[in-house]
N, C-alpha and C. Protein backbone atom coordinates (compact mmCIF):
# COMPACT_ATOMS: atom_id res chain seq x y z
N MET A 1 119.89 82.13 91.02
CA MET A 1 118.83 82.82 91.75
C MET A 1 118.37 81.96 92.91
N ALA A 2 118.11 82.60 94.04
CA ALA A 2 117.67 81.85 95.21
C ALA A 2 116.29 81.27 94.97
N SER A 3 116.10 80.06 95.50
CA SER A 3 114.79 79.43 95.33
C SER A 3 113.77 80.10 96.21
N GLU A 4 112.55 80.19 95.72
CA GLU A 4 111.47 80.82 96.48
C GLU A 4 111.00 79.88 97.57
N PRO A 5 110.44 80.44 98.65
CA PRO A 5 109.97 79.58 99.74
C PRO A 5 108.91 78.61 99.24
N SER A 6 108.91 77.43 99.83
CA SER A 6 107.93 76.42 99.44
C SER A 6 106.52 76.90 99.73
N PRO A 7 105.57 76.71 98.80
CA PRO A 7 104.20 77.13 99.05
C PRO A 7 103.55 76.33 100.18
N LEU A 8 104.19 75.19 100.55
CA LEU A 8 103.65 74.38 101.64
C LEU A 8 104.07 74.91 103.01
N ALA A 9 105.07 75.79 103.02
CA ALA A 9 105.52 76.33 104.30
C ALA A 9 104.47 77.27 104.86
N PRO A 10 104.19 77.19 106.17
CA PRO A 10 103.17 78.06 106.75
C PRO A 10 103.59 79.51 106.68
N ALA A 11 102.68 80.37 106.21
CA ALA A 11 102.97 81.79 106.09
C ALA A 11 102.63 82.48 107.40
N ARG A 12 103.49 83.40 107.80
CA ARG A 12 103.19 84.18 108.99
C ARG A 12 102.04 85.12 108.69
N PRO A 13 101.11 85.33 109.64
CA PRO A 13 99.98 86.21 109.40
C PRO A 13 100.40 87.61 108.97
N ALA A 14 101.49 88.13 109.56
CA ALA A 14 101.92 89.48 109.23
C ALA A 14 102.39 89.59 107.80
N ALA A 15 102.83 88.46 107.22
CA ALA A 15 103.36 88.50 105.87
C ALA A 15 102.38 87.92 104.86
N ALA A 16 101.12 87.76 105.24
CA ALA A 16 100.14 87.09 104.38
C ALA A 16 99.95 87.79 103.05
N LEU A 17 100.16 89.11 102.99
CA LEU A 17 99.95 89.83 101.73
C LEU A 17 101.19 89.86 100.86
N GLY A 18 102.34 89.55 101.40
CA GLY A 18 103.57 89.66 100.65
C GLY A 18 103.99 91.12 100.53
N GLY A 19 105.21 91.36 100.05
CA GLY A 19 105.72 92.72 99.93
C GLY A 19 104.91 93.58 98.99
N VAL A 20 104.49 93.01 97.86
CA VAL A 20 103.70 93.76 96.88
C VAL A 20 102.35 94.16 97.47
N GLY A 21 101.70 93.21 98.15
CA GLY A 21 100.40 93.49 98.74
C GLY A 21 100.46 94.60 99.77
N TRP A 22 101.46 94.55 100.64
CA TRP A 22 101.59 95.59 101.65
C TRP A 22 101.90 96.94 101.03
N SER A 23 102.69 96.96 99.96
CA SER A 23 102.99 98.24 99.32
C SER A 23 101.73 98.85 98.72
N VAL A 24 100.83 98.02 98.17
CA VAL A 24 99.57 98.52 97.62
C VAL A 24 98.68 99.05 98.74
N LEU A 25 98.55 98.28 99.81
CA LEU A 25 97.68 98.68 100.93
C LEU A 25 98.16 99.99 101.57
N VAL A 26 99.46 100.09 101.79
CA VAL A 26 100.01 101.32 102.40
C VAL A 26 99.84 102.50 101.45
N SER A 27 100.01 102.27 100.15
CA SER A 27 99.82 103.35 99.17
C SER A 27 98.40 103.89 99.20
N LEU A 28 97.41 103.00 99.30
CA LEU A 28 96.02 103.43 99.37
C LEU A 28 95.76 104.22 100.65
N LEU A 29 96.35 103.78 101.75
CA LEU A 29 96.18 104.50 103.01
C LEU A 29 96.80 105.90 102.93
N VAL A 30 97.97 106.00 102.33
CA VAL A 30 98.63 107.30 102.17
C VAL A 30 97.81 108.22 101.27
N LEU A 31 97.26 107.68 100.18
CA LEU A 31 96.43 108.50 99.29
C LEU A 31 95.19 109.01 100.00
N ALA A 32 94.58 108.15 100.83
CA ALA A 32 93.41 108.58 101.60
C ALA A 32 93.78 109.68 102.58
N TRP A 33 94.94 109.55 103.21
CA TRP A 33 95.39 110.57 104.16
C TRP A 33 95.71 111.88 103.44
N LEU A 34 96.36 111.79 102.28
CA LEU A 34 96.68 113.00 101.52
C LEU A 34 95.41 113.73 101.08
N ALA A 35 94.37 112.95 100.74
CA ALA A 35 93.11 113.57 100.33
C ALA A 35 92.47 114.34 101.47
N GLY A 36 92.76 113.95 102.70
CA GLY A 36 92.20 114.64 103.85
C GLY A 36 93.13 115.67 104.46
N PHE A 37 94.35 115.76 103.94
CA PHE A 37 95.33 116.72 104.45
C PHE A 37 95.18 118.02 103.68
N ARG A 38 94.55 118.99 104.32
CA ARG A 38 94.11 120.21 103.64
C ARG A 38 95.20 120.93 102.84
N PRO A 39 96.41 121.13 103.38
CA PRO A 39 97.42 121.84 102.58
C PRO A 39 97.73 121.15 101.25
N VAL A 40 97.77 119.81 101.26
CA VAL A 40 98.10 119.08 100.04
C VAL A 40 96.94 119.13 99.04
N ILE A 41 95.73 118.76 99.51
CA ILE A 41 94.60 118.68 98.59
C ILE A 41 94.18 120.08 98.12
N GLY A 42 94.36 121.09 98.99
CA GLY A 42 94.06 122.47 98.59
C GLY A 42 94.99 122.94 97.49
N TRP A 43 96.27 122.64 97.62
CA TRP A 43 97.24 123.01 96.59
C TRP A 43 96.97 122.24 95.30
N LEU A 44 96.66 120.94 95.44
CA LEU A 44 96.41 120.11 94.27
C LEU A 44 95.14 120.57 93.52
N SER A 45 94.13 121.00 94.27
CA SER A 45 92.87 121.44 93.65
C SER A 45 93.05 122.69 92.81
N THR A 46 94.03 123.52 93.16
CA THR A 46 94.27 124.73 92.35
C THR A 46 94.90 124.38 91.01
N TRP A 47 95.57 123.25 90.94
CA TRP A 47 96.22 122.84 89.69
C TRP A 47 95.40 121.81 88.91
N VAL A 48 94.63 120.99 89.62
CA VAL A 48 93.79 119.98 88.96
C VAL A 48 92.34 120.31 89.29
N VAL A 49 91.73 121.14 88.45
CA VAL A 49 90.38 121.63 88.72
C VAL A 49 89.36 120.51 88.71
N ALA A 50 89.67 119.40 88.03
CA ALA A 50 88.73 118.28 87.95
C ALA A 50 88.40 117.71 89.33
N LEU A 51 89.29 117.93 90.31
CA LEU A 51 89.02 117.43 91.66
C LEU A 51 87.80 118.10 92.29
N LEU A 52 87.45 119.29 91.80
CA LEU A 52 86.33 120.04 92.37
C LEU A 52 84.99 119.67 91.74
N PHE A 53 85.02 118.98 90.61
CA PHE A 53 83.77 118.69 89.89
C PHE A 53 82.82 117.75 90.65
N PRO A 54 83.29 116.59 91.14
CA PRO A 54 82.34 115.68 91.81
C PRO A 54 81.59 116.31 92.98
N PRO A 55 82.27 117.00 93.94
CA PRO A 55 81.51 117.61 95.03
C PRO A 55 80.53 118.68 94.54
N ALA A 56 80.87 119.36 93.45
CA ALA A 56 79.98 120.40 92.92
C ALA A 56 78.68 119.80 92.42
N PHE A 57 78.69 118.53 92.02
CA PHE A 57 77.49 117.85 91.53
C PHE A 57 76.86 116.95 92.59
N GLY A 58 77.27 117.12 93.85
CA GLY A 58 76.69 116.34 94.93
C GLY A 58 77.24 114.93 95.04
N LEU A 59 78.38 114.66 94.41
CA LEU A 59 79.00 113.33 94.47
C LEU A 59 80.11 113.33 95.52
N PRO A 60 80.49 112.15 95.98
CA PRO A 60 81.64 112.10 96.90
C PRO A 60 82.89 112.60 96.21
N ALA A 61 83.86 113.06 97.00
CA ALA A 61 85.16 113.43 96.44
C ALA A 61 85.74 112.23 95.70
N MET A 62 86.75 112.45 94.89
CA MET A 62 87.16 111.45 93.92
C MET A 62 87.66 110.13 94.52
N TRP A 63 88.16 110.14 95.74
CA TRP A 63 88.49 108.89 96.41
C TRP A 63 88.28 109.07 97.91
N PRO A 64 88.10 107.98 98.65
CA PRO A 64 87.81 108.10 100.09
C PRO A 64 88.83 108.93 100.85
N ILE A 65 88.33 109.75 101.75
CA ILE A 65 89.14 110.74 102.46
C ILE A 65 89.33 110.32 103.92
N LEU A 66 90.57 110.36 104.38
CA LEU A 66 90.86 110.06 105.78
C LEU A 66 91.20 111.35 106.51
N ARG A 67 90.29 111.75 107.40
CA ARG A 67 90.54 112.90 108.28
C ARG A 67 90.36 112.42 109.71
N PHE A 68 91.12 112.99 110.62
CA PHE A 68 91.03 112.58 112.02
C PHE A 68 89.96 113.35 112.77
N THR A 69 89.52 114.47 112.20
CA THR A 69 88.41 115.25 112.78
C THR A 69 87.59 115.82 111.63
N PRO A 70 86.33 116.16 111.86
CA PRO A 70 85.54 116.82 110.80
C PRO A 70 86.21 118.13 110.41
N LEU A 71 86.07 118.49 109.13
CA LEU A 71 86.70 119.69 108.60
C LEU A 71 85.70 120.84 108.56
N GLY A 72 86.00 121.94 109.22
CA GLY A 72 85.19 123.15 109.14
C GLY A 72 83.73 122.90 109.48
N GLU A 73 82.86 123.16 108.48
CA GLU A 73 81.42 123.01 108.68
C GLU A 73 80.94 121.59 108.39
N THR A 74 81.85 120.70 108.10
CA THR A 74 81.47 119.32 107.80
C THR A 74 80.81 118.68 109.02
N THR A 75 79.68 118.01 108.79
CA THR A 75 78.98 117.37 109.91
C THR A 75 79.71 116.11 110.34
N VAL A 76 79.45 115.71 111.57
CA VAL A 76 80.05 114.48 112.09
C VAL A 76 79.58 113.28 111.27
N ALA A 77 78.31 113.29 110.84
CA ALA A 77 77.78 112.17 110.05
C ALA A 77 78.54 112.04 108.74
N LEU A 78 78.82 113.16 108.07
CA LEU A 78 79.56 113.11 106.80
C LEU A 78 80.99 112.63 107.03
N TRP A 79 81.57 113.05 108.13
CA TRP A 79 82.93 112.62 108.47
C TRP A 79 82.96 111.12 108.73
N LEU A 80 81.96 110.60 109.44
CA LEU A 80 81.90 109.16 109.70
C LEU A 80 81.68 108.36 108.42
N ILE A 81 80.89 108.91 107.49
CA ILE A 81 80.69 108.25 106.20
C ILE A 81 82.02 108.16 105.45
N ASP A 82 82.80 109.24 105.50
CA ASP A 82 84.11 109.22 104.84
C ASP A 82 85.02 108.17 105.47
N LEU A 83 85.01 108.09 106.80
CA LEU A 83 85.83 107.08 107.48
C LEU A 83 85.39 105.66 107.11
N LEU A 84 84.08 105.46 107.00
CA LEU A 84 83.56 104.16 106.59
C LEU A 84 84.01 103.84 105.16
N GLY A 85 84.00 104.85 104.30
CA GLY A 85 84.47 104.65 102.92
C GLY A 85 85.92 104.22 102.88
N VAL A 86 86.76 104.85 103.71
CA VAL A 86 88.18 104.47 103.77
C VAL A 86 88.32 103.03 104.27
N ALA A 87 87.54 102.68 105.30
CA ALA A 87 87.60 101.32 105.85
C ALA A 87 87.19 100.29 104.81
N VAL A 88 86.12 100.58 104.05
CA VAL A 88 85.67 99.65 103.01
C VAL A 88 86.72 99.56 101.90
N MET A 89 87.33 100.68 101.53
CA MET A 89 88.37 100.67 100.50
C MET A 89 89.53 99.78 100.92
N LEU A 90 90.00 99.95 102.15
CA LEU A 90 91.15 99.16 102.62
C LEU A 90 90.79 97.69 102.80
N LEU A 91 89.57 97.42 103.29
CA LEU A 91 89.14 96.03 103.46
C LEU A 91 89.01 95.33 102.11
N THR A 92 88.44 96.02 101.12
CA THR A 92 88.32 95.45 99.77
C THR A 92 89.70 95.14 99.21
N ALA A 93 90.63 96.09 99.36
CA ALA A 93 91.99 95.88 98.86
C ALA A 93 92.64 94.70 99.56
N TRP A 94 92.47 94.62 100.88
CA TRP A 94 93.09 93.54 101.65
C TRP A 94 92.58 92.18 101.20
N ILE A 95 91.28 92.05 100.98
CA ILE A 95 90.69 90.77 100.56
C ILE A 95 91.25 90.35 99.20
N TRP A 96 91.26 91.28 98.24
CA TRP A 96 91.76 90.94 96.90
C TRP A 96 93.26 90.67 96.90
N LEU A 97 94.01 91.45 97.68
CA LEU A 97 95.46 91.23 97.74
C LEU A 97 95.80 89.91 98.41
N ARG A 98 95.05 89.55 99.43
CA ARG A 98 95.30 88.27 100.10
C ARG A 98 95.02 87.10 99.16
N THR A 99 93.92 87.21 98.41
CA THR A 99 93.60 86.16 97.44
C THR A 99 94.68 86.06 96.37
N ALA A 100 95.11 87.22 95.86
CA ALA A 100 96.15 87.22 94.82
C ALA A 100 97.47 86.69 95.36
N SER A 101 97.78 87.01 96.62
CA SER A 101 99.03 86.56 97.21
C SER A 101 99.05 85.04 97.40
N ARG A 102 97.88 84.46 97.67
CA ARG A 102 97.82 83.00 97.80
C ARG A 102 98.11 82.31 96.47
N LYS A 103 97.68 82.94 95.38
CA LYS A 103 97.92 82.35 94.06
C LYS A 103 99.35 82.58 93.60
N ASN A 104 99.87 83.78 93.86
CA ASN A 104 101.23 84.12 93.40
C ASN A 104 101.82 85.13 94.38
N ARG A 105 102.61 84.61 95.29
CA ARG A 105 103.14 85.46 96.37
C ARG A 105 104.19 86.43 95.87
N TYR A 106 104.94 86.03 94.85
CA TYR A 106 106.04 86.85 94.35
C TYR A 106 105.83 87.12 92.86
N PRO A 107 104.94 88.06 92.53
CA PRO A 107 104.65 88.33 91.11
C PRO A 107 105.81 89.03 90.42
N SER A 108 105.86 88.87 89.10
CA SER A 108 106.85 89.61 88.32
C SER A 108 106.49 91.09 88.36
N MET A 109 107.36 91.94 87.86
CA MET A 109 107.11 93.38 87.90
C MET A 109 105.86 93.78 87.11
N PRO A 110 105.66 93.25 85.88
CA PRO A 110 104.42 93.59 85.17
C PRO A 110 103.16 93.10 85.89
N ARG A 111 103.23 91.91 86.47
CA ARG A 111 102.07 91.39 87.21
C ARG A 111 101.81 92.20 88.47
N ALA A 112 102.87 92.65 89.12
CA ALA A 112 102.71 93.49 90.31
C ALA A 112 102.04 94.81 89.94
N PHE A 113 102.43 95.38 88.81
CA PHE A 113 101.79 96.62 88.35
C PHE A 113 100.30 96.38 88.10
N GLY A 114 100.00 95.30 87.40
CA GLY A 114 98.60 94.98 87.12
C GLY A 114 97.80 94.73 88.39
N ARG A 115 98.41 94.08 89.36
CA ARG A 115 97.73 93.82 90.64
C ARG A 115 97.42 95.13 91.35
N GLY A 116 98.39 96.04 91.39
CA GLY A 116 98.17 97.33 92.03
C GLY A 116 97.10 98.14 91.33
N LEU A 117 97.11 98.12 90.00
CA LEU A 117 96.13 98.86 89.21
C LEU A 117 94.72 98.32 89.44
N TRP A 118 94.56 97.02 89.31
CA TRP A 118 93.25 96.39 89.41
C TRP A 118 92.67 96.53 90.81
N VAL A 119 93.48 96.28 91.82
CA VAL A 119 93.00 96.37 93.20
C VAL A 119 92.61 97.80 93.55
N THR A 120 93.37 98.78 93.06
CA THR A 120 93.04 100.18 93.34
C THR A 120 91.70 100.55 92.72
N ILE A 121 91.45 100.14 91.49
CA ILE A 121 90.17 100.44 90.84
C ILE A 121 89.02 99.85 91.65
N LEU A 122 89.14 98.59 92.04
CA LEU A 122 88.08 97.94 92.81
C LEU A 122 87.89 98.59 94.18
N ALA A 123 88.99 98.86 94.86
CA ALA A 123 88.91 99.38 96.23
C ALA A 123 88.34 100.80 96.26
N VAL A 124 88.79 101.65 95.36
CA VAL A 124 88.28 103.03 95.31
C VAL A 124 86.79 103.03 94.97
N THR A 125 86.40 102.18 94.02
CA THR A 125 84.99 102.11 93.63
C THR A 125 84.13 101.62 94.79
N ALA A 126 84.59 100.59 95.50
CA ALA A 126 83.82 100.07 96.64
C ALA A 126 83.67 101.13 97.72
N GLY A 127 84.75 101.82 98.04
CA GLY A 127 84.70 102.85 99.06
C GLY A 127 83.78 104.00 98.68
N ASN A 128 83.82 104.40 97.43
CA ASN A 128 82.98 105.52 96.98
C ASN A 128 81.50 105.13 96.87
N ILE A 129 81.22 103.87 96.57
CA ILE A 129 79.81 103.43 96.54
C ILE A 129 79.21 103.56 97.94
N VAL A 130 79.96 103.13 98.95
CA VAL A 130 79.49 103.25 100.34
C VAL A 130 79.27 104.72 100.69
N ARG A 131 80.20 105.57 100.29
CA ARG A 131 80.06 107.00 100.59
C ARG A 131 78.87 107.60 99.87
N SER A 132 78.67 107.20 98.62
CA SER A 132 77.55 107.74 97.84
C SER A 132 76.21 107.34 98.46
N VAL A 133 76.09 106.08 98.88
CA VAL A 133 74.85 105.61 99.51
C VAL A 133 74.62 106.36 100.83
N GLY A 134 75.68 106.51 101.61
CA GLY A 134 75.55 107.20 102.89
C GLY A 134 75.14 108.66 102.71
N GLN A 135 75.75 109.33 101.74
CA GLN A 135 75.41 110.74 101.50
C GLN A 135 74.00 110.90 100.97
N SER A 136 73.51 109.92 100.21
CA SER A 136 72.15 110.02 99.68
C SER A 136 71.13 109.99 100.81
N PHE A 137 71.43 109.26 101.88
CA PHE A 137 70.53 109.25 103.04
C PHE A 137 70.53 110.60 103.74
N LEU A 138 71.72 111.22 103.81
CA LEU A 138 71.80 112.53 104.45
C LEU A 138 71.04 113.59 103.65
N LEU A 139 71.07 113.45 102.31
CA LEU A 139 70.41 114.44 101.45
C LEU A 139 68.95 114.12 101.21
N HIS A 140 68.47 112.97 101.70
CA HIS A 140 67.08 112.54 101.50
C HIS A 140 66.72 112.55 100.01
N ALA A 141 67.62 111.99 99.20
CA ALA A 141 67.40 112.00 97.75
C ALA A 141 66.28 111.04 97.37
N ASP A 142 65.51 111.42 96.33
CA ASP A 142 64.49 110.50 95.82
C ASP A 142 65.16 109.40 95.02
N LEU A 143 64.38 108.39 94.60
CA LEU A 143 64.97 107.21 93.97
C LEU A 143 65.71 107.56 92.68
N GLY A 144 65.12 108.43 91.85
CA GLY A 144 65.76 108.80 90.59
C GLY A 144 67.09 109.51 90.82
N THR A 145 67.07 110.45 91.75
CA THR A 145 68.30 111.18 92.07
C THR A 145 69.35 110.24 92.65
N TYR A 146 68.89 109.34 93.52
CA TYR A 146 69.80 108.39 94.15
C TYR A 146 70.49 107.50 93.11
N LEU A 147 69.69 106.95 92.18
CA LEU A 147 70.26 106.07 91.16
C LEU A 147 71.21 106.82 90.23
N GLY A 148 70.82 108.06 89.89
CA GLY A 148 71.68 108.86 89.03
C GLY A 148 73.00 109.18 89.70
N GLN A 149 72.94 109.56 90.96
CA GLN A 149 74.17 109.88 91.69
C GLN A 149 75.03 108.64 91.90
N LEU A 150 74.38 107.50 92.13
CA LEU A 150 75.13 106.27 92.33
C LEU A 150 75.87 105.88 91.05
N LEU A 151 75.17 105.97 89.92
CA LEU A 151 75.81 105.64 88.64
C LEU A 151 76.96 106.60 88.34
N ALA A 152 76.74 107.89 88.59
CA ALA A 152 77.79 108.88 88.35
C ALA A 152 78.98 108.63 89.28
N ALA A 153 78.69 108.27 90.53
CA ALA A 153 79.77 107.99 91.48
C ALA A 153 80.60 106.78 91.04
N ILE A 154 79.94 105.78 90.47
CA ILE A 154 80.66 104.60 89.99
C ILE A 154 81.57 104.97 88.83
N VAL A 155 81.05 105.77 87.88
CA VAL A 155 81.85 106.19 86.72
C VAL A 155 83.06 107.01 87.17
N VAL A 156 82.82 107.99 88.06
CA VAL A 156 83.92 108.81 88.57
C VAL A 156 84.93 107.95 89.31
N SER A 157 84.45 106.99 90.09
CA SER A 157 85.33 106.13 90.88
C SER A 157 86.20 105.25 89.98
N LEU A 158 85.62 104.73 88.90
CA LEU A 158 86.40 103.91 87.97
C LEU A 158 87.51 104.71 87.32
N LEU A 159 87.18 105.95 86.91
CA LEU A 159 88.19 106.80 86.30
C LEU A 159 89.27 107.19 87.31
N THR A 160 88.82 107.56 88.51
CA THR A 160 89.78 107.93 89.55
C THR A 160 90.65 106.73 89.93
N GLY A 161 90.02 105.56 90.08
CA GLY A 161 90.77 104.36 90.41
C GLY A 161 91.80 104.02 89.35
N LEU A 162 91.46 104.29 88.09
CA LEU A 162 92.41 104.04 87.00
C LEU A 162 93.62 104.95 87.13
N LEU A 163 93.39 106.24 87.39
CA LEU A 163 94.50 107.19 87.50
C LEU A 163 95.35 106.89 88.74
N LEU A 164 94.68 106.68 89.88
CA LEU A 164 95.44 106.36 91.09
C LEU A 164 96.10 104.99 90.98
N GLY A 165 95.44 104.08 90.26
CA GLY A 165 95.98 102.74 90.10
C GLY A 165 97.31 102.73 89.38
N ILE A 166 97.52 103.68 88.47
CA ILE A 166 98.81 103.77 87.79
C ILE A 166 99.91 104.09 88.79
N ILE A 167 99.61 105.02 89.71
CA ILE A 167 100.58 105.38 90.75
C ILE A 167 100.84 104.19 91.67
N VAL A 168 99.76 103.59 92.16
CA VAL A 168 99.90 102.45 93.08
C VAL A 168 100.57 101.28 92.37
N GLY A 169 100.22 101.06 91.09
CA GLY A 169 100.84 99.99 90.33
C GLY A 169 102.34 100.17 90.18
N LEU A 170 102.77 101.42 89.99
CA LEU A 170 104.21 101.69 89.90
C LEU A 170 104.91 101.39 91.21
N VAL A 171 104.26 101.74 92.33
CA VAL A 171 104.83 101.43 93.65
C VAL A 171 104.95 99.92 93.82
N ALA A 172 103.89 99.18 93.43
CA ALA A 172 103.91 97.72 93.54
C ALA A 172 104.99 97.13 92.64
N MET A 173 105.16 97.70 91.45
CA MET A 173 106.16 97.20 90.52
C MET A 173 107.57 97.42 91.09
N LEU A 174 107.79 98.56 91.71
CA LEU A 174 109.09 98.82 92.33
C LEU A 174 109.35 97.87 93.49
N SER A 175 108.29 97.57 94.24
CA SER A 175 108.42 96.62 95.34
C SER A 175 108.80 95.24 94.84
N ALA A 176 108.15 94.81 93.74
CA ALA A 176 108.48 93.51 93.15
C ALA A 176 109.89 93.50 92.60
N GLY A 177 110.31 94.61 91.98
CA GLY A 177 111.66 94.70 91.44
C GLY A 177 112.72 94.65 92.53
N ARG A 178 112.44 95.31 93.65
CA ARG A 178 113.37 95.29 94.77
C ARG A 178 113.51 93.88 95.32
N ARG A 179 112.40 93.18 95.41
CA ARG A 179 112.41 91.79 95.90
C ARG A 179 113.22 90.90 94.96
N ARG A 180 113.04 91.12 93.65
CA ARG A 180 113.75 90.30 92.67
C ARG A 180 115.26 90.56 92.74
N ARG A 181 115.62 91.84 92.92
CA ARG A 181 117.05 92.16 93.04
C ARG A 181 117.64 91.55 94.30
N ALA A 182 116.86 91.56 95.39
CA ALA A 182 117.34 90.95 96.63
C ALA A 182 117.54 89.45 96.45
N ASP A 183 116.62 88.79 95.72
CA ASP A 183 116.75 87.36 95.46
C ASP A 183 117.98 87.07 94.61
N ASP A 184 118.22 87.93 93.58
CA ASP A 184 119.39 87.74 92.72
C ASP A 184 120.68 87.89 93.52
N THR A 185 120.71 88.89 94.41
CA THR A 185 121.90 89.11 95.24
C THR A 185 122.13 87.93 96.17
N ALA A 186 121.04 87.43 96.78
CA ALA A 186 121.17 86.27 97.68
C ALA A 186 121.62 85.04 96.90
N GLY A 187 121.11 84.88 95.68
CA GLY A 187 121.50 83.74 94.86
C GLY A 187 122.97 83.81 94.47
N ASP A 188 123.45 84.99 94.11
CA ASP A 188 124.86 85.16 93.75
C ASP A 188 125.76 84.90 94.96
N THR A 189 125.32 85.36 96.13
CA THR A 189 126.10 85.13 97.35
C THR A 189 126.17 83.65 97.68
N ALA A 190 125.03 82.95 97.54
CA ALA A 190 125.00 81.52 97.83
C ALA A 190 125.87 80.75 96.86
N ALA A 191 125.83 81.15 95.57
CA ALA A 191 126.66 80.47 94.55
C ALA A 191 128.14 80.70 94.85
N GLY A 192 128.49 81.93 95.26
CA GLY A 192 129.88 82.22 95.58
C GLY A 192 130.34 81.44 96.78
N ASP A 193 129.49 81.32 97.79
CA ASP A 193 129.85 80.53 98.98
C ASP A 193 130.03 79.07 98.64
N ALA A 194 129.16 78.55 97.76
CA ALA A 194 129.28 77.15 97.36
C ALA A 194 130.57 76.90 96.60
N ALA A 195 130.90 77.82 95.69
CA ALA A 195 132.14 77.68 94.92
C ALA A 195 133.36 77.77 95.84
N HIS A 196 133.31 78.66 96.81
CA HIS A 196 134.41 78.80 97.74
C HIS A 196 134.58 77.53 98.59
N ALA A 197 133.45 76.97 99.01
CA ALA A 197 133.50 75.75 99.82
C ALA A 197 134.04 74.58 99.00
N ALA A 198 133.64 74.53 97.70
CA ALA A 198 134.13 73.43 96.85
C ALA A 198 135.61 73.54 96.61
N ALA A 199 136.10 74.78 96.56
CA ALA A 199 137.53 74.98 96.33
C ALA A 199 138.29 74.61 97.59
């Protein structure tokens, strides 16, 4: 197997997250975009009715939504709150992934799955907390209502993050597996070249 790069070697800024980190970050961005893409989320809502429950109770949708323009009667303020939620979700994920990458740049497949799962739960929850606080200002909620909605948003976000985290974790695990296979192939090639040179 090929030796891994020395941890003392300077890392390029573009590669600071490693392959697993970038796969997690891109997966979260795609999920946010899919949540804002009406044909997809509309079709999904007909099959997964649970997606309609949080908005019915005045809570943010199950994970931060990325839309390029306000939807229908949606106010610009609500649209900006959603964009801020997406930004906080991605920033939270980036911070945790960068920290994890510094400790272990090339995680095993099980560790990559766990990293994707954990980061998704944290990032979705952080993004939804921001959205919940922002929406409470728009609704002029009293303190009791605000605290109740915030607690409910956290619970919904943890559950949603867990479900989405399984998907993101699988993507991260595949990314780690692909990297490991590439290392094995490079190691076999190097061993074959060495044997050929010795002969």
